[in-house]
Amino acid sequence: MRGDSLLAPLAPPTQLTATFLAASGVRKERVLFWQAIAIMVWIVVISSLATGLVGILG
């Protein structure tokens, strides 16, 4: 479940992953919780990469 949520943006869209998980019987609360965690992690990763790239390129 954790891996599905964290890696979902790399393959199918997050909305599809959440729908598939909910349809497979995972409780909605768990799906929403891990989707929120995944969104926060991706925000930090992309922001860090963008900040580093701006720092390198000036």
C-alpha atoms as a PDB file:
ATOM      1  CA  MET A   1       0.000   0.000   0.000  1.00  0.00           C
ATOM      2  CA  ARG A   2       2.748   2.465   0.935  1.00  0.00           C
ATOM      3  CA  GLY A   3       4.735   1.724  -2.194  1.00  0.00           C
ATOM      4  CA  ASP A   4       1.672   2.021  -4.389  1.00  0.00           C
ATOM      5  CA  SER A   5       0.938   5.475  -3.064  1.00  0.00           C
ATOM      6  CA  LEU A   6       4.521   6.723  -3.164  1.00  0.00           C
ATOM      7  CA  LEU A   7       5.327   5.392  -6.629  1.00  0.00           C
ATOM      8  CA  ALA A   8       1.947   6.100  -8.222  1.00  0.00           C
ATOM      9  CA  PRO A   9       2.983   9.410  -9.830  1.00  0.00           C
ATOM     10  CA  LEU A  10       5.626   7.566 -11.852  1.00  0.00           C
ATOM     11  CA  ALA A  11       3.133   5.297 -13.652  1.00  0.00           C
ATOM     12  CA  PRO A  12      -0.639   5.804 -13.579  1.00  0.00           C
ATOM     13  CA  PRO A  13      -2.074   9.024 -12.203  1.00  0.00           C
ATOM     14  CA  THR A  14      -2.594   9.180  -8.446  1.00  0.00           C
ATOM     15  CA  GLN A  15      -6.367   9.323  -8.846  1.00  0.00           C
ATOM     16  CA  LEU A  16      -6.371   5.987 -10.673  1.00  0.00           C
ATOM     17  CA  THR A  17      -4.150   4.378  -8.067  1.00  0.00           C
ATOM     18  CA  ALA A  18      -6.424   5.574  -5.258  1.00  0.00           C
ATOM     19  CA  THR A  19      -9.458   4.216  -7.095  1.00  0.00           C
ATOM     20  CA  PHE A  20      -7.789   0.846  -7.705  1.00  0.00           C
ATOM     21  CA  LEU A  21      -6.755   0.547  -4.058  1.00  0.00           C
ATOM     22  CA  ALA A  22     -10.230   1.460  -2.796  1.00  0.00           C
ATOM     23  CA  ALA A  23     -11.832  -0.975  -5.239  1.00  0.00           C
ATOM     24  CA  SER A  24      -9.521  -3.762  -4.085  1.00  0.00           C
ATOM     25  CA  GLY A  25     -10.849  -3.488  -0.551  1.00  0.00           C
ATOM     26  CA  VAL A  26      -8.372  -1.173   1.152  1.00  0.00           C
ATOM     27  CA  ARG A  27     -10.123   1.113   3.633  1.00  0.00           C
ATOM     28  CA  LYS A  28     -10.686   4.637   2.319  1.00  0.00           C
ATOM     29  CA  GLU A  29      -8.992   6.149   5.371  1.00  0.00           C
ATOM     30  CA  ARG A  30      -5.772   4.253   4.648  1.00  0.00           C
ATOM     31  CA  VAL A  31      -5.874   5.224   0.982  1.00  0.00           C
ATOM     32  CA  LEU A  32      -6.367   8.905   1.823  1.00  0.00           C
ATOM     33  CA  PHE A  33      -3.677   8.823   4.513  1.00  0.00           C
ATOM     34  CA  TRP A  34      -1.025   7.295   2.239  1.00  0.00           C
ATOM     35  CA  GLN A  35      -2.002   9.477  -0.702  1.00  0.00           C
ATOM     36  CA  ALA A  36      -1.512  12.551   1.517  1.00  0.00           C
ATOM     37  CA  ILE A  37       1.895  11.261   2.664  1.00  0.00           C
ATOM     38  CA  ALA A  38       2.890  10.564  -0.952  1.00  0.00           C
ATOM     39  CA  ILE A  39       1.867  14.060  -2.058  1.00  0.00           C
ATOM     40  CA  MET A  40       3.944  15.625   0.720  1.00  0.00           C
ATOM     41  CA  VAL A  41       6.981  13.465  -0.119  1.00  0.00           C
ATOM     42  CA  TRP A  42       6.777  14.325  -3.826  1.00  0.00           C
ATOM     43  CA  ILE A  43       6.440  18.033  -3.011  1.00  0.00           C
ATOM     44  CA  VAL A  44       9.631  17.899  -0.951  1.00  0.00           C
ATOM     45  CA  VAL A  45      11.510  15.901  -3.623  1.00  0.00           C
ATOM     46  CA  ILE A  46      10.497  18.114  -6.555  1.00  0.00           C
ATOM     47  CA  SER A  47      11.043  21.323  -4.559  1.00  0.00           C
ATOM     48  CA  SER A  48      14.503  20.181  -3.500  1.00  0.00           C
ATOM     49  CA  LEU A  49      15.444  19.275  -7.059  1.00  0.00           C
ATOM     50  CA  ALA A  50      14.140  22.599  -8.391  1.00  0.00           C
ATOM     51  CA  THR A  51      15.965  24.555  -5.682  1.00  0.00           C
ATOM     52  CA  GLY A  52      19.197  22.679  -6.410  1.00  0.00           C
ATOM     53  CA  LEU A  53      18.833  23.229 -10.141  1.00  0.00           C
ATOM     54  CA  VAL A  54      18.234  26.961  -9.660  1.00  0.00           C
ATOM     55  CA  GLY A  55      21.272  27.106  -7.377  1.00  0.00           C
ATOM     56  CA  ILE A  56      23.451  25.363  -9.942  1.00  0.00           C
ATOM     57  CA  LEU A  57      22.244  27.375 -12.931  1.00  0.00           C
ATOM     58  CA  GLY A  58      22.233  30.634 -11.031  1.00  0.00           C
END
